[in-house]
Every structure is written in C-alpha cells, then in structure tokens.
Amino acid sequence: MRSEPTTTLGRRAIDLLAELERNRESVLIAQLEGIAHGDQAVEDGRTLTQDEAMQRMARWLGQRR
C-alpha cells in the first residue's frame, strides 16, 4: 500500500467531493444503494449497538476503547 501525506489525501478527498457535487445523480444513486443495504442488514438482523459500532470504528475515529 502506498503512503501519502495527510494533506495530499485531504486535497484528493476535497476533489472527489467536488466531483460528486457536480454529478448529483451518482450521489443520489449511491445514497439510495446505501439505504437499501442498511435496510437489508436490519431485516437480516445484522445490527450493532452504538457501543459496539464505536468499538469497531475506534481505529478510524482515533479513539481507544
């Protein structure tokens, strides 16, 4: 995996968000797909409590639990 400075990644993220903003249709489709995926997860019983989710996401949120 390639390593890049945080500022480079931040700039790339900003560019990607701006591109998504220009093409709202793609964003809407992605949002609807995400909602459908979440609805299916609930129906399948694949849910977490808030604490469980925070523990799983701690690495990305910069927290230690």
PDB file of N, CA and C in Angstrom:
ATOM      1  N   MET A   1       0.841  -1.180   0.000  1.00  0.00           N
ATOM      2  CA  MET A   1       0.000   0.000   0.000  1.00  0.00           C
ATOM      3  C   MET A   1       0.882   1.238   0.000  1.00  0.00           C
ATOM      4  N   ARG A   2       0.516   2.204  -0.804  1.00  0.00           N
ATOM      5  CA  ARG A   2       1.273   3.441  -0.933  1.00  0.00           C
ATOM      6  C   ARG A   2       0.935   4.393   0.206  1.00  0.00           C
ATOM      7  N   SER A   3       1.931   5.089   0.695  1.00  0.00           N
ATOM      8  CA  SER A   3       1.743   6.049   1.780  1.00  0.00           C
ATOM      9  C   SER A   3       1.810   7.461   1.215  1.00  0.00           C
ATOM     10  N   GLU A   4       0.879   8.319   1.650  1.00  0.00           N
ATOM     11  CA  GLU A   4       0.856   9.708   1.200  1.00  0.00           C
ATOM     12  C   GLU A   4       0.647  10.622   2.404  1.00  0.00           C
ATOM     13  N   PRO A   5       1.142  11.849   2.313  1.00  0.00           N
ATOM     14  CA  PRO A   5       0.903  12.809   3.399  1.00  0.00           C
ATOM     15  C   PRO A   5      -0.599  13.077   3.556  1.00  0.00           C
ATOM     16  N   THR A   6      -0.992  13.358   4.769  1.00  0.00           N
ATOM     17  CA  THR A   6      -2.402  13.624   5.063  1.00  0.00           C
ATOM     18  C   THR A   6      -2.934  14.781   4.219  1.00  0.00           C
ATOM     19  N   THR A   7      -2.126  15.809   4.001  1.00  0.00           N
ATOM     20  CA  THR A   7      -2.602  16.956   3.218  1.00  0.00           C
ATOM     21  C   THR A   7      -2.933  16.536   1.790  1.00  0.00           C
ATOM     22  N   THR A   8      -2.132  15.641   1.214  1.00  0.00           N
ATOM     23  CA  THR A   8      -2.398  15.156  -0.143  1.00  0.00           C
ATOM     24  C   THR A   8      -3.717  14.397  -0.173  1.00  0.00           C
ATOM     25  N   LEU A   9      -3.917  13.549   0.820  1.00  0.00           N
ATOM     26  CA  LEU A   9      -5.166  12.782   0.890  1.00  0.00           C
ATOM     27  C   LEU A   9      -6.357  13.701   1.108  1.00  0.00           C
ATOM     28  N   GLY A  10      -6.177  14.724   1.932  1.00  0.00           N
ATOM     29  CA  GLY A  10      -7.250  15.678   2.170  1.00  0.00           C
ATOM     30  C   GLY A  10      -7.628  16.414   0.900  1.00  0.00           C
ATOM     31  N   ARG A  11      -6.619  16.848   0.151  1.00  0.00           N
ATOM     32  CA  ARG A  11      -6.898  17.544  -1.113  1.00  0.00           C
ATOM     33  C   ARG A  11      -7.622  16.625  -2.082  1.00  0.00           C
ATOM     34  N   ARG A  12      -7.202  15.361  -2.138  1.00  0.00           N
ATOM     35  CA  ARG A  12      -7.852  14.400  -3.033  1.00  0.00           C
ATOM     36  C   ARG A  12      -9.306  14.177  -2.605  1.00  0.00           C
ATOM     37  N   ALA A  13      -9.537  14.093  -1.308  1.00  0.00           N
ATOM     38  CA  ALA A  13     -10.904  13.920  -0.815  1.00  0.00           C
ATOM     39  C   ALA A  13     -11.770  15.114  -1.193  1.00  0.00           C
ATOM     40  N   ILE A  14     -11.225  16.309  -1.077  1.00  0.00           N
ATOM     41  CA  ILE A  14     -11.961  17.525  -1.453  1.00  0.00           C
ATOM     42  C   ILE A  14     -12.284  17.497  -2.937  1.00  0.00           C
ATOM     43  N   ASP A  15     -11.319  17.089  -3.756  1.00  0.00           N
ATOM     44  CA  ASP A  15     -11.548  16.993  -5.206  1.00  0.00           C
ATOM     45  C   ASP A  15     -12.653  15.983  -5.526  1.00  0.00           C
ATOM     46  N   LEU A  16     -12.614  14.841  -4.846  1.00  0.00           N
ATOM     47  CA  LEU A  16     -13.634  13.820  -5.074  1.00  0.00           C
ATOM     48  C   LEU A  16     -15.017  14.304  -4.667  1.00  0.00           C
ATOM     49  N   LEU A  17     -15.098  14.995  -3.536  1.00  0.00           N
ATOM     50  CA  LEU A  17     -16.388  15.526  -3.093  1.00  0.00           C
ATOM     51  C   LEU A  17     -16.913  16.582  -4.062  1.00  0.00           C
ATOM     52  N   ALA A  18     -16.030  17.409  -4.575  1.00  0.00           N
ATOM     53  CA  ALA A  18     -16.445  18.423  -5.550  1.00  0.00           C
ATOM     54  C   ALA A  18     -16.961  17.750  -6.825  1.00  0.00           C
ATOM     55  N   GLU A  19     -16.291  16.696  -7.241  1.00  0.00           N
ATOM     56  CA  GLU A  19     -16.725  15.954  -8.432  1.00  0.00           C
ATOM     57  C   GLU A  19     -18.107  15.335  -8.203  1.00  0.00           C
ATOM     58  N   LEU A  20     -18.320  14.780  -7.013  1.00  0.00           N
ATOM     59  CA  LEU A  20     -19.622  14.217  -6.696  1.00  0.00           C
ATOM     60  C   LEU A  20     -20.702  15.286  -6.679  1.00  0.00           C
ATOM     61  N   GLU A  21     -20.357  16.448  -6.181  1.00  0.00           N
ATOM     62  CA  GLU A  21     -21.309  17.562  -6.133  1.00  0.00           C
ATOM     63  C   GLU A  21     -21.747  17.953  -7.547  1.00  0.00           C
ATOM     64  N   ARG A  22     -20.812  17.905  -8.493  1.00  0.00           N
ATOM     65  CA  ARG A  22     -21.145  18.257  -9.875  1.00  0.00           C
ATOM     66  C   ARG A  22     -22.068  17.219 -10.502  1.00  0.00           C
ATOM     67  N   ASN A  23     -21.965  15.979 -10.061  1.00  0.00           N
ATOM     68  CA  ASN A  23     -22.765  14.913 -10.654  1.00  0.00           C
ATOM     69  C   ASN A  23     -23.690  14.337  -9.588  1.00  0.00           C
ATOM     70  N   ARG A  24     -24.696  15.082  -9.253  1.00  0.00           N
ATOM     71  CA  ARG A  24     -25.606  14.715  -8.157  1.00  0.00           C
ATOM     72  C   ARG A  24     -26.323  13.391  -8.402  1.00  0.00           C
ATOM     73  N   GLU A  25     -26.569  13.032  -9.638  1.00  0.00           N
ATOM     74  CA  GLU A  25     -27.292  11.792  -9.909  1.00  0.00           C
ATOM     75  C   GLU A  25     -26.533  10.599  -9.347  1.00  0.00           C
ATOM     76  N   SER A  26     -25.232  10.562  -9.525  1.00  0.00           N
ATOM     77  CA  SER A  26     -24.430   9.465  -8.994  1.00  0.00           C
ATOM     78  C   SER A  26     -24.484   9.425  -7.475  1.00  0.00           C
ATOM     79  N   VAL A  27     -24.463  10.593  -6.868  1.00  0.00           N
ATOM     80  CA  VAL A  27     -24.525  10.671  -5.412  1.00  0.00           C
ATOM     81  C   VAL A  27     -25.861  10.134  -4.924  1.00  0.00           C
ATOM     82  N   LEU A  28     -26.931  10.523  -5.558  1.00  0.00           N
ATOM     83  CA  LEU A  28     -28.258  10.067  -5.162  1.00  0.00           C
ATOM     84  C   LEU A  28     -28.360   8.551  -5.283  1.00  0.00           C
ATOM     85  N   ILE A  29     -27.860   7.995  -6.373  1.00  0.00           N
ATOM     86  CA  ILE A  29     -27.892   6.546  -6.564  1.00  0.00           C
ATOM     87  C   ILE A  29     -27.092   5.853  -5.465  1.00  0.00           C
ATOM     88  N   ALA A  30     -25.925   6.372  -5.155  1.00  0.00           N
ATOM     89  CA  ALA A  30     -25.087   5.776  -4.112  1.00  0.00           C
ATOM     90  C   ALA A  30     -25.785   5.862  -2.753  1.00  0.00           C
ATOM     91  N   GLN A  31     -26.438   6.983  -2.477  1.00  0.00           N
ATOM     92  CA  GLN A  31     -27.152   7.140  -1.210  1.00  0.00           C
ATOM     93  C   GLN A  31     -28.302   6.146  -1.118  1.00  0.00           C
ATOM     94  N   LEU A  32     -29.044   5.990  -2.203  1.00  0.00           N
ATOM     95  CA  LEU A  32     -30.157   5.042  -2.190  1.00  0.00           C
ATOM     96  C   LEU A  32     -29.669   3.612  -2.029  1.00  0.00           C
ATOM     97  N   GLU A  33     -28.563   3.294  -2.677  1.00  0.00           N
ATOM     98  CA  GLU A  33     -27.995   1.955  -2.529  1.00  0.00           C
ATOM     99  C   GLU A  33     -27.554   1.724  -1.083  1.00  0.00           C
ATOM    100  N   GLY A  34     -26.979   2.733  -0.461  1.00  0.00           N
ATOM    101  CA  GLY A  34     -26.558   2.626   0.932  1.00  0.00           C
ATOM    102  C   GLY A  34     -27.743   2.422   1.857  1.00  0.00           C
ATOM    103  N   ILE A  35     -28.826   3.137   1.598  1.00  0.00           N
ATOM    104  CA  ILE A  35     -30.041   2.986   2.405  1.00  0.00           C
ATOM    105  C   ILE A  35     -30.614   1.582   2.231  1.00  0.00           C
ATOM    106  N   ALA A  36     -30.666   1.105   0.994  1.00  0.00           N
ATOM    107  CA  ALA A  36     -31.183  -0.244   0.732  1.00  0.00           C
ATOM    108  C   ALA A  36     -30.322  -1.297   1.418  1.00  0.00           C
ATOM    109  N   HIS A  37     -29.015  -1.106   1.382  1.00  0.00           N
ATOM    110  CA  HIS A  37     -28.094  -2.037   2.042  1.00  0.00           C
ATOM    111  C   HIS A  37     -28.353  -2.054   3.545  1.00  0.00           C
ATOM    112  N   GLY A  38     -28.538  -0.890   4.138  1.00  0.00           N
ATOM    113  CA  GLY A  38     -28.825  -0.791   5.564  1.00  0.00           C
ATOM    114  C   GLY A  38     -30.160  -1.412   5.928  1.00  0.00           C
ATOM    115  N   ASP A  39     -31.172  -1.191   5.094  1.00  0.00           N
ATOM    116  CA  ASP A  39     -32.487  -1.798   5.335  1.00  0.00           C
ATOM    117  C   ASP A  39     -32.389  -3.320   5.322  1.00  0.00           C
ATOM    118  N   GLN A  40     -31.633  -3.859   4.370  1.00  0.00           N
ATOM    119  CA  GLN A  40     -31.458  -5.305   4.277  1.00  0.00           C
ATOM    120  C   GLN A  40     -30.712  -5.839   5.490  1.00  0.00           C
ATOM    121  N   ALA A  41     -29.719  -5.105   5.959  1.00  0.00           N
ATOM    122  CA  ALA A  41     -28.967  -5.520   7.148  1.00  0.00           C
ATOM    123  C   ALA A  41     -29.889  -5.609   8.362  1.00  0.00           C
ATOM    124  N   VAL A  42     -30.793  -4.647   8.508  1.00  0.00           N
ATOM    125  CA  VAL A  42     -31.740  -4.663   9.629  1.00  0.00           C
ATOM    126  C   VAL A  42     -32.656  -5.879   9.517  1.00  0.00           C
ATOM    127  N   GLU A  43     -33.171  -6.122   8.314  1.00  0.00           N
ATOM    128  CA  GLU A  43     -34.046  -7.277   8.111  1.00  0.00           C
ATOM    129  C   GLU A  43     -33.324  -8.587   8.421  1.00  0.00           C
ATOM    130  N   ASP A  44     -32.031  -8.648   8.109  1.00  0.00           N
ATOM    131  CA  ASP A  44     -31.242  -9.858   8.341  1.00  0.00           C
ATOM    132  C   ASP A  44     -30.729  -9.956   9.774  1.00  0.00           C
ATOM    133  N   GLY A  45     -31.012  -8.934  10.585  1.00  0.00           N
ATOM    134  CA  GLY A  45     -30.567  -8.949  11.974  1.00  0.00           C
ATOM    135  C   GLY A  45     -29.103  -8.597  12.152  1.00  0.00           C
ATOM    136  N   ARG A  46     -28.504  -7.996  11.130  1.00  0.00           N
ATOM    137  CA  ARG A  46     -27.097  -7.601  11.204  1.00  0.00           C
ATOM    138  C   ARG A  46     -26.998  -6.153  11.681  1.00  0.00           C
ATOM    139  N   THR A  47     -27.219  -5.976  12.973  1.00  0.00           N
ATOM    140  CA  THR A  47     -27.158  -4.635  13.555  1.00  0.00           C
ATOM    141  C   THR A  47     -26.216  -4.641  14.750  1.00  0.00           C
ATOM    142  N   LEU A  48     -25.811  -3.457  15.154  1.00  0.00           N
ATOM    143  CA  LEU A  48     -24.921  -3.278  16.303  1.00  0.00           C
ATOM    144  C   LEU A  48     -25.515  -2.236  17.233  1.00  0.00           C
ATOM    145  N   THR A  49     -25.136  -2.317  18.491  1.00  0.00           N
ATOM    146  CA  THR A  49     -25.478  -1.232  19.407  1.00  0.00           C
ATOM    147  C   THR A  49     -24.528  -0.072  19.111  1.00  0.00           C
ATOM    148  N   GLN A  50     -24.819   1.091  19.667  1.00  0.00           N
ATOM    149  CA  GLN A  50     -23.940   2.246  19.487  1.00  0.00           C
ATOM    150  C   GLN A  50     -22.534   1.938  20.013  1.00  0.00           C
ATOM    151  N   ASP A  51     -22.464   1.312  21.195  1.00  0.00           N
ATOM    152  CA  ASP A  51     -21.159   0.981  21.786  1.00  0.00           C
ATOM    153  C   ASP A  51     -20.379  -0.002  20.919  1.00  0.00           C
ATOM    154  N   GLU A  52     -21.061  -1.012  20.380  1.00  0.00           N
ATOM    155  CA  GLU A  52     -20.393  -1.983  19.506  1.00  0.00           C
ATOM    156  C   GLU A  52     -19.855  -1.300  18.245  1.00  0.00           C
ATOM    157  N   ALA A  53     -20.660  -0.409  17.679  1.00  0.00           N
ATOM    158  CA  ALA A  53     -20.227   0.309  16.479  1.00  0.00           C
ATOM    159  C   ALA A  53     -19.017   1.194  16.781  1.00  0.00           C
ATOM    160  N   MET A  54     -19.052   1.878  17.922  1.00  0.00           N
ATOM    161  CA  MET A  54     -17.926   2.739  18.308  1.00  0.00           C
ATOM    162  C   MET A  54     -16.660   1.922  18.523  1.00  0.00           C
ATOM    163  N   GLN A  55     -16.774   0.740  19.105  1.00  0.00           N
ATOM    164  CA  GLN A  55     -15.607  -0.120  19.309  1.00  0.00           C
ATOM    165  C   GLN A  55     -15.028  -0.557  17.965  1.00  0.00           C
ATOM    166  N   ARG A  56     -15.889  -0.930  17.034  1.00  0.00           N
ATOM    167  CA  ARG A  56     -15.411  -1.352  15.714  1.00  0.00           C
ATOM    168  C   ARG A  56     -14.775  -0.203  14.934  1.00  0.00           C
ATOM    169  N   MET A  57     -15.291   1.004  15.135  1.00  0.00           N
ATOM    170  CA  MET A  57     -14.811   2.157  14.380  1.00  0.00           C
ATOM    171  C   MET A  57     -13.714   2.929  15.098  1.00  0.00           C
ATOM    172  N   ALA A  58     -13.324   2.500  16.299  1.00  0.00           N
ATOM    173  CA  ALA A  58     -12.358   3.242  17.113  1.00  0.00           C
ATOM    174  C   ALA A  58     -11.073   3.536  16.343  1.00  0.00           C
ATOM    175  N   ARG A  59     -10.620   2.597  15.547  1.00  0.00           N
ATOM    176  CA  ARG A  59      -9.374   2.792  14.797  1.00  0.00           C
ATOM    177  C   ARG A  59      -9.494   3.990  13.855  1.00  0.00           C
ATOM    178  N   TRP A  60     -10.643   4.138  13.203  1.00  0.00           N
ATOM    179  CA  TRP A  60     -10.834   5.235  12.256  1.00  0.00           C
ATOM    180  C   TRP A  60     -11.245   6.519  12.944  1.00  0.00           C
ATOM    181  N   LEU A  61     -11.846   6.400  14.106  1.00  0.00           N
ATOM    182  CA  LEU A  61     -12.256   7.592  14.838  1.00  0.00           C
ATOM    183  C   LEU A  61     -11.156   8.135  15.742  1.00  0.00           C
ATOM    184  N   GLY A  62     -10.053   7.409  15.828  1.00  0.00           N
ATOM    185  CA  GLY A  62      -8.921   7.866  16.641  1.00  0.00           C
ATOM    186  C   GLY A  62      -9.159   7.709  18.117  1.00  0.00           C
ATOM    187  N   GLN A  63      -9.979   6.756  18.487  1.00  0.00           N
ATOM    188  CA  GLN A  63     -10.301   6.529  19.892  1.00  0.00           C
ATOM    189  C   GLN A  63      -9.805   5.153  20.302  1.00  0.00           C
ATOM    190  N   ARG A  64      -9.549   5.018  21.566  1.00  0.00           N
ATOM    191  CA  ARG A  64      -9.167   3.708  22.124  1.00  0.00           C
ATOM    192  C   ARG A  64     -10.251   3.292  23.100  1.00  0.00           C
ATOM    193  N   ARG A  65     -10.714   2.093  22.953  1.00  0.00           N
ATOM    194  CA  ARG A  65     -11.745   1.579  23.879  1.00  0.00           C
ATOM    195  C   ARG A  65     -11.279   0.273  24.452  1.00  0.00           C
TER     196      ARG A  65
END
